[in-house]
Amino acid sequence: MNISHDSANRFLLREQYEPEDLFEEIKASINLIGGTLSADDTIVEKLYSDSSKVELIGYFWSGKHKKPIKGINLISLYYTAPNGDSVPINYRLYNKEEGKTKNEYLREMIKEVLEWGVMPKTITTDSWYSSKDNLKFFRERKFNFLVGIAKNRQVKVMDGKFCKVEQLDIPEDGMIVYLKEFGWVKVFQRVFKNEIPRYYVIHQTEESQLEVFTRSQFRSLCSIHWGIECYHRALKQLCGLSKFLVRTSQAIANHIFCSLRAFCQLELMRIQETIENWYEIQRELYLKVAREFIIKRAQEQKALAS
């Protein structure tokens, strides 16, 4: 395919793609009822771009780098159907000129997908999106949810006093606690390789279900939420998320839309069993190029030797 940089840039400057256009692309290919809606954000790294010339670029905290880095903040809603098929269904690019927080973007996106006909059963987020306003928003819409919480969130057991969640001795199967300014939840603890514990709360629309909610169910939800991390990685490694040379916010948004659409095509190909996984096409392309290079070099050396 012979496409010049100028042609690509003209396309990005001309079009006006919106998140709903992405949803329209995939809605017929996935069961939108009863699944899990995961929310998270990632940084489109633009470490060497001039933020005074390129719109949307700012400094955002990176969990990977453990410090703020320069880039564009992409906030996604990633939907996993009951059968495990999963796609991004809404997104935002953080724009400080709009005066909104990431939590406000999240609630705005959820309202939109509900209007579009998505009917999730469960919401999952990390601790960044665990504000009391978000939790009450989820509860008002009768969602079950799994959210990460900070270690200093205030909880209490039955008639006890409020304390930091990190001060609790949480059993393997979790503990029912009262989360301050919210209500009854079940808290779980996970210890990762760095031995730093992380805390998560489970809310069920039927409070009685908290008693029977198991560690196995908790792990299953964590596994589903991990899908959004895999999606972020694939966007960057396979879909050219950060590889653009345009400067205006609309052109950048168009490029990111195209990256998300490319990811959706990979997932739909996987669903249809055209490919086994997202990385198969890239691997086959690399193998083909390497094979052709080796054959060409061998032929050249043979010609020189004769």
Protein backbone atom coordinates (compact mmCIF):
# COMPACT_ATOMS: atom_id res chain seq x y z
CA MET A 1 0.00 0.00 0.00
CA ASN A 2 1.55 3.28 -1.14
CA ILE A 3 0.24 6.13 1.04
CA SER A 4 2.25 9.29 1.62
CA HIS A 5 2.57 11.09 4.95
CA ASP A 6 0.82 14.08 3.40
CA SER A 7 -2.17 11.95 2.39
CA ALA A 8 -2.46 10.53 5.89
CA ASN A 9 -2.20 13.97 7.47
CA ARG A 10 -4.83 15.42 5.13
CA PHE A 11 -7.15 12.58 6.11
CA LEU A 12 -6.60 13.24 9.82
CA LEU A 13 -7.15 16.97 9.39
CA ARG A 14 -10.30 16.49 7.31
CA GLU A 15 -12.35 13.94 9.26
CA GLN A 16 -14.46 14.45 12.40
CA TYR A 17 -14.63 11.05 14.11
CA GLU A 18 -16.35 10.75 17.48
CA PRO A 19 -16.45 7.96 20.10
CA GLU A 20 -19.95 6.96 19.01
CA ASP A 21 -18.57 6.17 15.55
CA LEU A 22 -16.39 3.51 17.17
CA PHE A 23 -19.38 2.06 19.01
CA GLU A 24 -21.38 1.91 15.78
CA GLU A 25 -18.56 -0.16 14.24
CA ILE A 26 -18.68 -2.90 16.86
CA LYS A 27 -22.16 -2.95 18.40
CA ALA A 28 -23.51 -5.65 16.08
CA SER A 29 -20.60 -7.99 16.82
CA ILE A 30 -20.81 -8.28 20.59
CA ASN A 31 -23.44 -9.05 23.22
CA LEU A 32 -24.06 -5.73 24.97
CA ILE A 33 -26.22 -7.13 27.78
CA GLY A 34 -24.97 -8.46 31.10
CA GLY A 35 -21.24 -7.91 30.63
CA THR A 36 -18.56 -6.05 32.55
CA LEU A 37 -17.61 -2.43 31.91
CA SER A 38 -14.01 -1.63 32.86
CA ALA A 39 -12.60 1.89 33.12
CA ASP A 40 -8.98 2.97 33.07
CA ASP A 41 -6.64 5.41 31.38
CA THR A 42 -3.24 5.27 29.75
CA ILE A 43 -0.65 7.77 28.57
CA VAL A 44 0.04 8.16 24.86
CA GLU A 45 3.70 9.00 25.35
CA LYS A 46 5.00 12.03 23.44
CA LEU A 47 8.16 12.65 25.43
CA TYR A 48 9.88 14.78 22.81
CA SER A 49 6.93 16.79 21.48
CA ASP A 50 6.62 20.50 22.17
CA SER A 51 3.51 20.96 24.31
CA SER A 52 3.31 24.61 23.24
CA LYS A 53 2.79 23.48 19.64
CA VAL A 54 0.93 20.17 19.96
CA GLU A 55 -2.54 20.30 21.50
CA LEU A 56 -3.73 17.95 24.28
CA ILE A 57 -0.20 17.21 25.49
CA GLY A 58 0.44 17.61 29.19
CA TYR A 59 2.12 15.87 32.09
CA PHE A 60 0.28 12.89 33.56
CA TRP A 61 1.20 10.37 36.22
CA SER A 62 2.57 7.14 34.79
CA GLY A 63 2.40 3.95 36.82
CA LYS A 64 5.04 2.47 34.53
CA HIS A 65 7.56 5.28 35.03
CA LYS A 66 6.46 6.14 38.60
CA LYS A 67 6.43 9.84 37.76
CA PRO A 68 4.55 12.36 35.60
CA ILE A 69 5.47 12.06 31.93
CA LYS A 70 4.64 14.09 28.84
CA GLY A 71 1.87 12.76 26.66
CA ILE A 72 -1.85 12.57 26.02
CA ASN A 73 -4.21 10.97 28.52
CA LEU A 74 -6.57 8.43 26.92
CA ILE A 75 -9.49 7.35 29.12
CA SER A 76 -11.34 4.24 27.95
CA LEU A 77 -14.43 2.21 28.72
CA TYR A 78 -13.66 -1.39 27.83
CA TYR A 79 -16.57 -3.81 27.65
CA THR A 80 -16.28 -7.56 28.21
CA ALA A 81 -19.28 -9.60 27.12
CA PRO A 82 -20.47 -12.60 29.17
CA ASN A 83 -18.71 -14.95 26.70
CA GLY A 84 -15.37 -13.13 27.10
CA ASP A 85 -15.34 -11.10 23.88
CA SER A 86 -14.11 -7.59 24.65
CA VAL A 87 -13.79 -4.23 22.90
CA PRO A 88 -13.45 -0.53 23.76
CA ILE A 89 -16.86 1.12 23.47
CA ASN A 90 -16.21 4.71 24.54
CA TYR A 91 -13.24 6.95 25.21
CA ARG A 92 -12.10 10.47 25.95
CA LEU A 93 -8.89 12.43 25.49
CA TYR A 94 -8.20 14.53 28.56
CA ASN A 95 -8.42 18.19 27.62
CA LYS A 96 -7.72 20.66 30.41
CA GLU A 97 -9.51 23.38 28.45
CA GLU A 98 -12.78 21.52 29.02
CA GLY A 99 -12.36 21.91 32.77
CA LYS A 100 -13.43 18.34 33.57
CA THR A 101 -11.83 15.79 35.85
CA LYS A 102 -11.17 12.20 34.80
CA ASN A 103 -13.97 11.13 37.14
CA GLU A 104 -16.37 13.46 35.35
CA TYR A 105 -15.28 12.05 32.00
CA LEU A 106 -15.96 8.55 33.35
CA ARG A 107 -19.50 9.32 34.46
CA GLU A 108 -20.17 11.12 31.19
CA MET A 109 -19.00 8.11 29.16
CA ILE A 110 -21.07 5.66 31.19
CA LYS A 111 -24.19 7.77 30.70
CA GLU A 112 -23.54 7.76 26.97
CA VAL A 113 -23.10 4.00 26.60
CA LEU A 114 -26.27 3.41 28.60
CA GLU A 115 -28.10 5.69 26.17
CA TRP A 116 -26.59 3.71 23.29
CA GLY A 117 -28.13 0.51 24.61
CA VAL A 118 -25.30 -1.09 26.58
CA MET A 119 -26.60 -2.89 29.68
CA PRO A 120 -23.61 -3.97 31.80
CA LYS A 121 -24.03 -5.92 35.00
CA THR A 122 -20.75 -4.96 36.63
CA ILE A 123 -18.29 -2.05 36.67
CA THR A 124 -14.57 -2.43 37.41
CA THR A 125 -12.05 0.37 37.96
CA ASP A 126 -8.76 1.01 39.70
CA SER A 127 -8.39 3.25 42.74
CA TRP A 128 -8.16 6.44 40.67
CA TYR A 129 -11.88 6.14 39.93
CA SER A 130 -13.06 5.11 43.40
CA SER A 131 -14.32 8.49 44.58
CA LYS A 132 -17.49 8.43 46.66
CA ASP A 133 -19.30 10.30 43.88
CA ASN A 134 -18.41 7.55 41.41
CA LEU A 135 -19.41 4.77 43.80
CA LYS A 136 -22.77 6.41 44.47
CA PHE A 137 -23.18 6.93 40.72
CA PHE A 138 -22.64 3.18 40.16
CA ARG A 139 -25.05 2.27 42.94
CA GLU A 140 -27.78 4.60 41.68
CA ARG A 141 -27.66 2.78 38.34
CA LYS A 142 -27.82 -0.60 40.09
CA PHE A 143 -24.40 -1.84 39.03
CA ASN A 144 -22.38 -4.39 40.91
CA PHE A 145 -18.81 -3.17 41.06
CA LEU A 146 -15.21 -3.99 41.85
CA VAL A 147 -13.00 -0.96 42.50
CA GLY A 148 -9.54 -0.52 43.90
CA ILE A 149 -9.27 1.76 46.91
CA ALA A 150 -6.40 3.61 48.54
CA LYS A 151 -4.89 2.09 51.68
CA ASN A 152 -6.05 5.04 53.79
CA ARG A 153 -9.76 4.79 52.94
CA GLN A 154 -11.85 4.82 56.11
CA VAL A 155 -13.86 1.70 56.94
CA LYS A 156 -15.38 0.11 60.01
CA VAL A 157 -16.54 -3.36 60.98
CA MET A 158 -20.12 -3.44 62.33
CA ASP A 159 -20.23 -1.17 65.40
CA GLY A 160 -16.51 -0.52 65.50
CA LYS A 161 -14.68 2.73 64.92
CA PHE A 162 -13.52 3.93 61.54
CA CYS A 163 -9.94 3.05 60.65
CA LYS A 164 -7.73 2.88 57.58
CA VAL A 165 -8.38 -0.20 55.48
CA GLU A 166 -4.69 -1.12 55.72
CA GLN A 167 -5.13 -1.57 59.47
CA LEU A 168 -7.58 -4.43 59.04
CA ASP A 169 -6.61 -8.08 59.23
CA ILE A 170 -8.45 -9.15 56.09
CA PRO A 171 -9.03 -12.89 55.65
CA GLU A 172 -8.55 -14.68 52.33
CA ASP A 173 -12.29 -14.69 51.63
CA GLY A 174 -12.65 -10.96 52.28
CA MET A 175 -14.35 -8.96 55.00
CA ILE A 176 -17.64 -7.08 55.03
CA VAL A 177 -17.07 -3.49 56.16
CA TYR A 178 -18.83 -0.16 56.09
CA LEU A 179 -17.06 2.20 53.69
CA LYS A 180 -17.26 5.74 55.02
CA GLU A 181 -19.76 7.96 53.21
CA PHE A 182 -20.94 5.06 51.07
CA GLY A 183 -22.21 1.88 52.71
CA TRP A 184 -21.59 -1.84 53.14
CA VAL A 185 -19.03 -3.49 50.86
CA LYS A 186 -16.75 -6.49 50.93
CA VAL A 187 -13.04 -5.72 51.00
CA PHE A 188 -10.33 -7.96 49.59
CA GLN A 189 -6.57 -7.68 49.72
CA ARG A 190 -4.05 -8.73 47.08
CA VAL A 191 -0.29 -8.83 47.56
CA PHE A 192 1.76 -8.46 44.39
CA LYS A 193 5.37 -9.34 43.60
CA ASN A 194 6.66 -6.18 45.25
CA GLU A 195 4.88 -7.34 48.43
CA ILE A 196 2.86 -4.13 48.59
CA PRO A 197 -0.79 -4.97 49.37
CA ARG A 198 -3.59 -3.47 47.34
CA TYR A 199 -7.18 -3.19 48.45
CA TYR A 200 -10.42 -3.68 46.54
CA VAL A 201 -14.07 -3.37 47.45
CA ILE A 202 -16.98 -5.33 46.07
CA HIS A 203 -20.51 -3.92 45.97
CA GLN A 204 -23.53 -6.04 45.13
CA THR A 205 -26.93 -4.62 44.28
CA GLU A 206 -28.38 -7.26 46.60
CA GLU A 207 -26.49 -6.67 49.84
CA SER A 208 -27.11 -10.23 51.01
CA GLN A 209 -24.88 -11.45 48.17
CA LEU A 210 -21.83 -9.94 49.87
CA GLU A 211 -21.84 -12.79 52.39
CA VAL A 212 -21.52 -15.44 49.70
CA PHE A 213 -19.18 -13.53 47.36
CA THR A 214 -16.05 -15.69 47.17
CA ARG A 215 -12.35 -15.20 46.57
CA SER A 216 -12.78 -17.09 43.32
CA GLN A 217 -15.38 -14.59 42.09
CA PHE A 218 -13.10 -11.75 43.13
CA ARG A 219 -10.21 -13.23 41.13
CA SER A 220 -12.48 -13.68 38.13
CA LEU A 221 -13.42 -9.99 38.15
CA CYS A 222 -9.77 -8.99 38.56
CA SER A 223 -8.94 -11.14 35.55
CA ILE A 224 -11.64 -9.42 33.50
CA HIS A 225 -10.36 -6.00 34.54
CA TRP A 226 -6.84 -7.01 33.49
CA GLY A 227 -8.21 -7.09 29.94
CA ILE A 228 -8.13 -3.30 29.74
CA GLU A 229 -4.41 -3.34 30.55
CA CYS A 230 -3.84 -5.85 27.74
CA TYR A 231 -5.85 -3.60 25.42
CA HIS A 232 -3.66 -0.61 26.30
CA ARG A 233 -0.53 -2.63 25.56
CA ALA A 234 -1.87 -3.85 22.23
CA LEU A 235 -2.87 -0.31 21.21
CA LYS A 236 0.71 0.83 21.71
CA GLN A 237 2.49 -2.21 20.30
CA LEU A 238 0.23 -3.08 17.38
CA CYS A 239 -1.97 -0.10 16.49
CA GLY A 240 0.45 2.83 16.29
CA LEU A 241 -1.23 4.76 19.08
CA SER A 242 1.56 7.31 19.53
CA LYS A 243 2.78 7.43 15.92
CA PHE A 244 1.30 10.66 14.64
CA LEU A 245 2.79 13.92 13.37
CA VAL A 246 -0.27 16.17 13.53
CA ARG A 247 -0.73 18.93 16.09
CA THR A 248 -4.40 19.91 16.35
CA SER A 249 -6.72 18.25 18.83
CA GLN A 250 -9.19 17.06 16.18
CA ALA A 251 -6.47 15.52 14.01
CA ILE A 252 -4.97 13.79 17.06
CA ALA A 253 -8.43 12.54 18.06
CA ASN A 254 -8.92 11.15 14.54
CA HIS A 255 -5.60 9.31 14.72
CA ILE A 256 -6.47 7.78 18.09
CA PHE A 257 -9.91 6.81 16.78
CA CYS A 258 -8.17 4.95 13.94
CA SER A 259 -5.90 3.16 16.40
CA LEU A 260 -8.89 2.04 18.47
CA ARG A 261 -10.71 0.95 15.33
CA ALA A 262 -7.67 -1.08 14.28
CA PHE A 263 -7.68 -2.79 17.67
CA CYS A 264 -11.39 -3.58 17.31
CA GLN A 265 -10.70 -5.19 13.95
CA LEU A 266 -8.03 -7.38 15.53
CA GLU A 267 -10.43 -8.44 18.28
CA LEU A 268 -13.22 -9.14 15.78
CA MET A 269 -10.80 -11.26 13.74
CA ARG A 270 -9.93 -13.16 16.91
CA ILE A 271 -13.63 -13.63 17.71
CA GLN A 272 -14.22 -14.96 14.19
CA GLU A 273 -11.16 -17.24 14.61
CA THR A 274 -9.42 -15.67 11.62
CA ILE A 275 -6.45 -15.20 13.95
CA GLU A 276 -5.59 -16.85 17.25
CA ASN A 277 -4.47 -13.68 19.01
CA TRP A 278 -3.91 -9.98 18.40
CA TYR A 279 -0.17 -10.38 17.80
CA GLU A 280 -0.40 -13.02 15.08
CA ILE A 281 -0.55 -10.64 12.11
CA GLN A 282 2.43 -8.62 13.32
CA ARG A 283 4.44 -11.78 13.88
CA GLU A 284 3.60 -13.13 10.42
CA LEU A 285 4.57 -9.82 8.80
CA TYR A 286 7.89 -9.76 10.61
CA LEU A 287 8.58 -13.38 9.65
CA LYS A 288 7.76 -12.64 6.02
CA VAL A 289 10.08 -9.62 5.91
CA ALA A 290 12.87 -11.52 7.66
CA ARG A 291 12.44 -14.50 5.33
CA GLU A 292 12.57 -12.33 2.21
CA PHE A 293 15.64 -10.50 3.51
CA ILE A 294 17.50 -13.74 4.25
CA ILE A 295 16.65 -15.21 0.85
CA LYS A 296 17.73 -12.02 -0.93
CA ARG A 297 21.03 -11.89 0.96
CA ALA A 298 21.70 -15.54 0.23
CA GLN A 299 21.06 -14.99 -3.47
CA GLU A 300 23.36 -11.95 -3.53
CA GLN A 301 26.17 -13.86 -1.82
CA LYS A 302 25.70 -16.78 -4.20
CA ALA A 303 25.90 -14.42 -7.18
CA LEU A 304 29.10 -12.85 -5.85
CA ALA A 305 30.67 -16.24 -5.28
CA SER A 306 29.93 -17.49 -8.80
